PDB file of N, CA and C in Angstrom:
ATOM      1  N   UNK A   1      21.123 -17.728   6.940  1.00  0.00           N
ATOM      2  CA  UNK A   1      21.356 -16.408   7.697  1.00  0.00           C
ATOM      3  C   UNK A   1      21.951 -17.351   8.983  1.00  0.00           C
ATOM      4  N   UNK A   2      22.698 -17.190   9.266  1.00  0.00           N
ATOM      5  CA  UNK A   2      24.247 -17.907  10.150  1.00  0.00           C
ATOM      6  C   UNK A   2      24.404 -17.221  11.421  1.00  0.00           C
ATOM      7  N   UNK A   3      23.802 -17.674  12.745  1.00  0.00           N
ATOM      8  CA  UNK A   3      24.287 -16.779  13.963  1.00  0.00           C
ATOM      9  C   UNK A   3      24.670 -17.268  15.143  1.00  0.00           C
ATOM     10  N   UNK A   4      24.717 -16.882  15.982  1.00  0.00           N
ATOM     11  CA  UNK A   4      25.468 -17.567  16.786  1.00  0.00           C
ATOM     12  C   UNK A   4      24.666 -19.097  17.325  1.00  0.00           C
ATOM     13  N   UNK A   5      23.347 -18.751  17.790  1.00  0.00           N
ATOM     14  CA  UNK A   5      22.672 -19.582  17.713  1.00  0.00           C
ATOM     15  C   UNK A   5      22.419 -20.959  16.665  1.00  0.00           C
ATOM     16  N   UNK A   6      23.061 -20.145  15.599  1.00  0.00           N
ATOM     17  CA  UNK A   6      22.874 -21.225  14.620  1.00  0.00           C
ATOM     18  C   UNK A   6      22.676 -21.134  13.336  1.00  0.00           C
ATOM     19  N   UNK A   7      21.601 -21.219  13.210  1.00  0.00           N
ATOM     20  CA  UNK A   7      21.573 -20.527  11.145  1.00  0.00           C
ATOM     21  C   UNK A   7      19.685 -20.426  11.513  1.00  0.00           C
ATOM     22  N   UNK A   8      19.128 -19.259  10.402  1.00  0.00           N
ATOM     23  CA  UNK A   8      17.471 -19.323  10.283  1.00  0.00           C
ATOM     24  C   UNK A   8      17.453 -19.115   9.221  1.00  0.00           C
ATOM     25  N   UNK A   9      16.153 -18.806   8.101  1.00  0.00           N
ATOM     26  CA  UNK A   9      15.622 -19.227   6.967  1.00  0.00           C
ATOM     27  C   UNK A   9      15.651 -18.083   7.071  1.00  0.00           C
ATOM     28  N   UNK A  10      14.986 -17.083   5.990  1.00  0.00           N
ATOM     29  CA  UNK A  10      15.052 -15.719   4.969  1.00  0.00           C
ATOM     30  C   UNK A  10      13.717 -15.993   4.993  1.00  0.00           C
ATOM     31  N   UNK A  11      12.267 -15.284   4.671  1.00  0.00           N
ATOM     32  CA  UNK A  11      12.197 -15.439   3.335  1.00  0.00           C
ATOM     33  C   UNK A  11      11.532 -14.164   2.662  1.00  0.00           C
ATOM     34  N   UNK A  12      12.026 -13.598   1.278  1.00  0.00           N
ATOM     35  CA  UNK A  12      11.795 -12.869   1.559  1.00  0.00           C
ATOM     36  C   UNK A  12      10.083 -12.640   0.545  1.00  0.00           C
ATOM     37  N   UNK A  13       9.439 -11.368   1.015  1.00  0.00           N
ATOM     38  CA  UNK A  13       8.190 -11.218   0.297  1.00  0.00           C
ATOM     39  C   UNK A  13       7.431  -9.978   0.072  1.00  0.00           C
ATOM     40  N   UNK A  14       7.471 -10.242  -1.941  1.00  0.00           N
ATOM     41  CA  UNK A  14       7.197  -8.632  -2.503  1.00  0.00           C
ATOM     42  C   UNK A  14       6.268  -8.204  -2.562  1.00  0.00           C
ATOM     43  N   UNK A  15       5.463  -7.699  -1.653  1.00  0.00           N
ATOM     44  CA  UNK A  15       4.034  -6.778  -1.480  1.00  0.00           C
ATOM     45  C   UNK A  15       3.634  -6.176  -2.176  1.00  0.00           C
ATOM     46  N   UNK A  16       4.645  -6.254  -3.981  1.00  0.00           N
ATOM     47  CA  UNK A  16       3.919  -5.588  -5.027  1.00  0.00           C
ATOM     48  C   UNK A  16       4.254  -6.403  -6.081  1.00  0.00           C
ATOM     49  N   UNK A  17       4.153  -7.640  -5.426  1.00  0.00           N
ATOM     50  CA  UNK A  17       4.414  -8.260  -7.073  1.00  0.00           C
ATOM     51  C   UNK A  17       2.920  -8.709  -7.849  1.00  0.00           C
ATOM     52  N   UNK A  18       1.920  -7.822  -7.112  1.00  0.00           N
ATOM     53  CA  UNK A  18       0.614  -8.149  -7.116  1.00  0.00           C
ATOM     54  C   UNK A  18       0.540  -6.514  -8.894  1.00  0.00           C
ATOM     55  N   UNK A  19       0.927  -5.962  -8.660  1.00  0.00           N
ATOM     56  CA  UNK A  19       1.163  -4.859  -9.745  1.00  0.00           C
ATOM     57  C   UNK A  19       1.126  -4.967 -10.491  1.00  0.00           C
ATOM     58  N   UNK A  20       0.225  -4.414 -12.280  1.00  0.00           N
ATOM     59  CA  UNK A  20       0.028  -5.241 -13.644  1.00  0.00           C
ATOM     60  C   UNK A  20      -0.457  -6.056 -13.166  1.00  0.00           C
ATOM     61  N   UNK A  21      -1.352  -7.308 -12.617  1.00  0.00           N
ATOM     62  CA  UNK A  21      -1.936  -7.668 -12.644  1.00  0.00           C
ATOM     63  C   UNK A  21      -3.390  -7.345 -13.763  1.00  0.00           C
ATOM     64  N   UNK A  22      -3.739  -7.886 -14.538  1.00  0.00           N
ATOM     65  CA  UNK A  22      -4.878  -7.403 -14.622  1.00  0.00           C
ATOM     66  C   UNK A  22      -5.966  -8.044 -14.780  1.00  0.00           C
ATOM     67  N   UNK A  23      -5.823  -8.759 -13.019  1.00  0.00           N
ATOM     68  CA  UNK A  23      -7.229  -8.547 -12.604  1.00  0.00           C
ATOM     69  C   UNK A  23      -8.119  -7.856 -12.309  1.00  0.00           C
ATOM     70  N   UNK A  24      -7.076  -6.840 -12.142  1.00  0.00           N
ATOM     71  CA  UNK A  24      -8.087  -4.601 -11.752  1.00  0.00           C
ATOM     72  C   UNK A  24      -8.922  -4.903 -12.873  1.00  0.00           C
ATOM     73  N   UNK A  25      -9.758  -3.945 -11.622  1.00  0.00           N
ATOM     74  CA  UNK A  25     -11.316  -3.599 -12.344  1.00  0.00           C
ATOM     75  C   UNK A  25     -10.483  -1.324 -13.199  1.00  0.00           C
ATOM     76  N   UNK A  26     -11.108  -1.284 -13.658  1.00  0.00           N
ATOM     77  CA  UNK A  26     -11.574   0.314 -14.089  1.00  0.00           C
ATOM     78  C   UNK A  26     -11.590   0.884 -13.217  1.00  0.00           C
ATOM     79  N   UNK A  27     -10.525   1.701 -12.728  1.00  0.00           N
ATOM     80  CA  UNK A  27     -10.608   2.874 -11.998  1.00  0.00           C
ATOM     81  C   UNK A  27      -9.952   2.250 -10.707  1.00  0.00           C
ATOM     82  N   UNK A  28      -9.554   1.245  -9.820  1.00  0.00           N
ATOM     83  CA  UNK A  28      -8.763   0.112  -8.658  1.00  0.00           C
ATOM     84  C   UNK A  28      -7.404   1.079  -8.232  1.00  0.00           C
ATOM     85  N   UNK A  29      -7.651   1.107  -7.521  1.00  0.00           N
ATOM     86  CA  UNK A  29      -5.789   1.150  -6.721  1.00  0.00           C
ATOM     87  C   UNK A  29      -5.549   0.072  -6.081  1.00  0.00           C
ATOM     88  N   UNK A  30      -4.487  -0.374  -6.221  1.00  0.00           N
ATOM     89  CA  UNK A  30      -3.923  -1.564  -4.753  1.00  0.00           C
ATOM     90  C   UNK A  30      -3.334  -1.543  -4.397  1.00  0.00           C
ATOM     91  N   UNK A  31      -2.618  -1.657  -2.930  1.00  0.00           N
ATOM     92  CA  UNK A  31      -2.029  -1.302  -2.291  1.00  0.00           C
ATOM     93  C   UNK A  31      -1.881  -2.846  -1.670  1.00  0.00           C
ATOM     94  N   UNK A  32      -0.403  -2.344  -1.413  1.00  0.00           N
ATOM     95  CA  UNK A  32       0.514  -3.549   0.101  1.00  0.00           C
ATOM     96  C   UNK A  32       0.309  -3.443   1.379  1.00  0.00           C
ATOM     97  N   UNK A  33      -0.713  -2.683   1.971  1.00  0.00           N
ATOM     98  CA  UNK A  33      -1.285  -2.381   3.198  1.00  0.00           C
ATOM     99  C   UNK A  33      -2.827  -2.528   2.954  1.00  0.00           C
ATOM    100  N   UNK A  34      -2.979  -3.705   4.477  1.00  0.00           N
ATOM    101  CA  UNK A  34      -4.971  -3.815   4.508  1.00  0.00           C
ATOM    102  C   UNK A  34      -5.932  -2.482   4.429  1.00  0.00           C
ATOM    103  N   UNK A  35      -7.039  -2.147   4.381  1.00  0.00           N
ATOM    104  CA  UNK A  35      -7.817  -1.065   4.347  1.00  0.00           C
ATOM    105  C   UNK A  35      -8.666  -0.725   2.952  1.00  0.00           C
ATOM    106  N   UNK A  36      -9.517   0.255   3.178  1.00  0.00           N
ATOM    107  CA  UNK A  36     -10.188  -0.219   1.714  1.00  0.00           C
ATOM    108  C   UNK A  36     -10.289   1.894   2.522  1.00  0.00           C
ATOM    109  N   UNK A  37     -10.358   2.624   1.316  1.00  0.00           N
ATOM    110  CA  UNK A  37     -10.603   3.882   1.066  1.00  0.00           C
ATOM    111  C   UNK A  37     -11.485   4.388   0.974  1.00  0.00           C
ATOM    112  N   UNK A  38     -12.311   5.027   1.969  1.00  0.00           N
ATOM    113  CA  UNK A  38     -13.117   5.557   1.568  1.00  0.00           C
ATOM    114  C   UNK A  38     -13.963   7.320   1.223  1.00  0.00           C
ATOM    115  N   UNK A  39     -12.869   7.367   0.983  1.00  0.00           N
ATOM    116  CA  UNK A  39     -12.722   9.223   0.597  1.00  0.00           C
ATOM    117  C   UNK A  39     -12.012  10.205   0.735  1.00  0.00           C
ATOM    118  N   UNK A  40     -11.910  10.798  -0.111  1.00  0.00           N
ATOM    119  CA  UNK A  40     -10.521  11.535  -1.028  1.00  0.00           C
ATOM    120  C   UNK A  40     -10.796  13.110  -0.099  1.00  0.00           C
ATOM    121  N   UNK A  41     -10.558  13.544   0.771  1.00  0.00           N
ATOM    122  CA  UNK A  41     -10.780  14.861   0.931  1.00  0.00           C
ATOM    123  C   UNK A  41     -10.102  16.161   0.353  1.00  0.00           C
ATOM    124  N   UNK A  42      -9.573  15.744  -0.618  1.00  0.00           N
ATOM    125  CA  UNK A  42      -8.680  17.085  -2.197  1.00  0.00           C
ATOM    126  C   UNK A  42      -9.052  16.611  -2.676  1.00  0.00           C
ATOM    127  N   UNK A  43      -9.001  17.111  -3.918  1.00  0.00           N
ATOM    128  CA  UNK A  43      -9.825  17.009  -5.310  1.00  0.00           C
ATOM    129  C   UNK A  43      -8.857  18.048  -6.426  1.00  0.00           C
ATOM    130  N   UNK A  44      -8.496  17.775  -7.630  1.00  0.00           N
ATOM    131  CA  UNK A  44      -7.616  17.719  -8.493  1.00  0.00           C
ATOM    132  C   UNK A  44      -7.402  19.506  -8.374  1.00  0.00           C
ATOM    133  N   UNK A  45      -6.346  19.666  -8.401  1.00  0.00           N
ATOM    134  CA  UNK A  45      -5.759  20.569  -8.721  1.00  0.00           C
ATOM    135  C   UNK A  45      -6.099  21.828  -6.734  1.00  0.00           C
ATOM    136  N   UNK A  46      -6.259  20.973  -6.163  1.00  0.00           N
ATOM    137  CA  UNK A  46      -6.416  21.421  -4.705  1.00  0.00           C
ATOM    138  C   UNK A  46      -4.457  21.313  -4.088  1.00  0.00           C
ATOM    139  N   UNK A  47      -4.658  22.928  -3.333  1.00  0.00           N
ATOM    140  CA  UNK A  47      -3.451  23.041  -2.877  1.00  0.00           C
ATOM    141  C   UNK A  47      -3.457  22.269  -1.544  1.00  0.00           C
ATOM    142  N   UNK A  48      -1.963  21.029  -1.172  1.00  0.00           N
ATOM    143  CA  UNK A  48      -2.534  20.577  -0.002  1.00  0.00           C
ATOM    144  C   UNK A  48      -1.139  21.171   0.579  1.00  0.00           C
ATOM    145  N   UNK A  49      -0.923  21.353   1.619  1.00  0.00           N
ATOM    146  CA  UNK A  49       0.207  21.444   2.535  1.00  0.00           C
ATOM    147  C   UNK A  49       0.201  20.561   3.689  1.00  0.00           C
ATOM    148  N   UNK A  50       1.796  20.112   4.625  1.00  0.00           N
ATOM    149  CA  UNK A  50       1.861  18.856   4.640  1.00  0.00           C
ATOM    150  C   UNK A  50       0.873  19.254   6.614  1.00  0.00           C
ATOM    151  N   UNK A  51       0.640  17.574   6.637  1.00  0.00           N
ATOM    152  CA  UNK A  51      -0.263  17.662   7.600  1.00  0.00           C
ATOM    153  C   UNK A  51      -1.519  17.462   7.285  1.00  0.00           C
ATOM    154  N   UNK A  52      -1.685  18.047   5.575  1.00  0.00           N
ATOM    155  CA  UNK A  52      -3.069  18.155   5.189  1.00  0.00           C
ATOM    156  C   UNK A  52      -4.168  16.993   5.620  1.00  0.00           C
ATOM    157  N   UNK A  53      -5.113  16.059   5.478  1.00  0.00           N
ATOM    158  CA  UNK A  53      -5.777  14.811   5.341  1.00  0.00           C
ATOM    159  C   UNK A  53      -5.699  14.813   4.869  1.00  0.00           C
ATOM    160  N   UNK A  54      -5.814  13.890   3.503  1.00  0.00           N
ATOM    161  CA  UNK A  54      -5.983  13.764   2.008  1.00  0.00           C
ATOM    162  C   UNK A  54      -6.984  13.524   1.828  1.00  0.00           C
ATOM    163  N   UNK A  55      -7.112  12.116   3.133  1.00  0.00           N
ATOM    164  CA  UNK A  55      -8.187  10.664   2.174  1.00  0.00           C
ATOM    165  C   UNK A  55      -8.617  10.019   3.952  1.00  0.00           C
ATOM    166  N   UNK A  56      -9.752   9.335   3.758  1.00  0.00           N
ATOM    167  CA  UNK A  56     -10.409   8.555   4.730  1.00  0.00           C
ATOM    168  C   UNK A  56     -10.325   7.710   4.262  1.00  0.00           C
ATOM    169  N   UNK A  57      -9.711   6.860   5.622  1.00  0.00           N
ATOM    170  CA  UNK A  57      -9.673   5.150   5.430  1.00  0.00           C
ATOM    171  C   UNK A  57     -10.580   4.107   6.468  1.00  0.00           C
ATOM    172  N   UNK A  58     -11.409   2.451   6.497  1.00  0.00           N
ATOM    173  CA  UNK A  58     -11.142   2.054   7.237  1.00  0.00           C
ATOM    174  C   UNK A  58     -10.309   0.948   7.570  1.00  0.00           C
ATOM    175  N   UNK A  59      -9.751   0.263   8.621  1.00  0.00           N
ATOM    176  CA  UNK A  59      -9.833  -1.033   8.000  1.00  0.00           C
ATOM    177  C   UNK A  59      -9.916  -2.386   7.613  1.00  0.00           C
TER     178      UNK A  59
END
């Protein structure tokens, strides 16, 4: 990329590149954001509304 002050290089990082890897354990969930889901506050079939808290997580 060229700017008035010279040129810079932009590196594209694909945060979802790991999706589909065979290293995932059964029942695991991968995400591009850090943290760990520690509890789900809804169950299958529950009705949810806007602003309902659906899960608890920790960094």
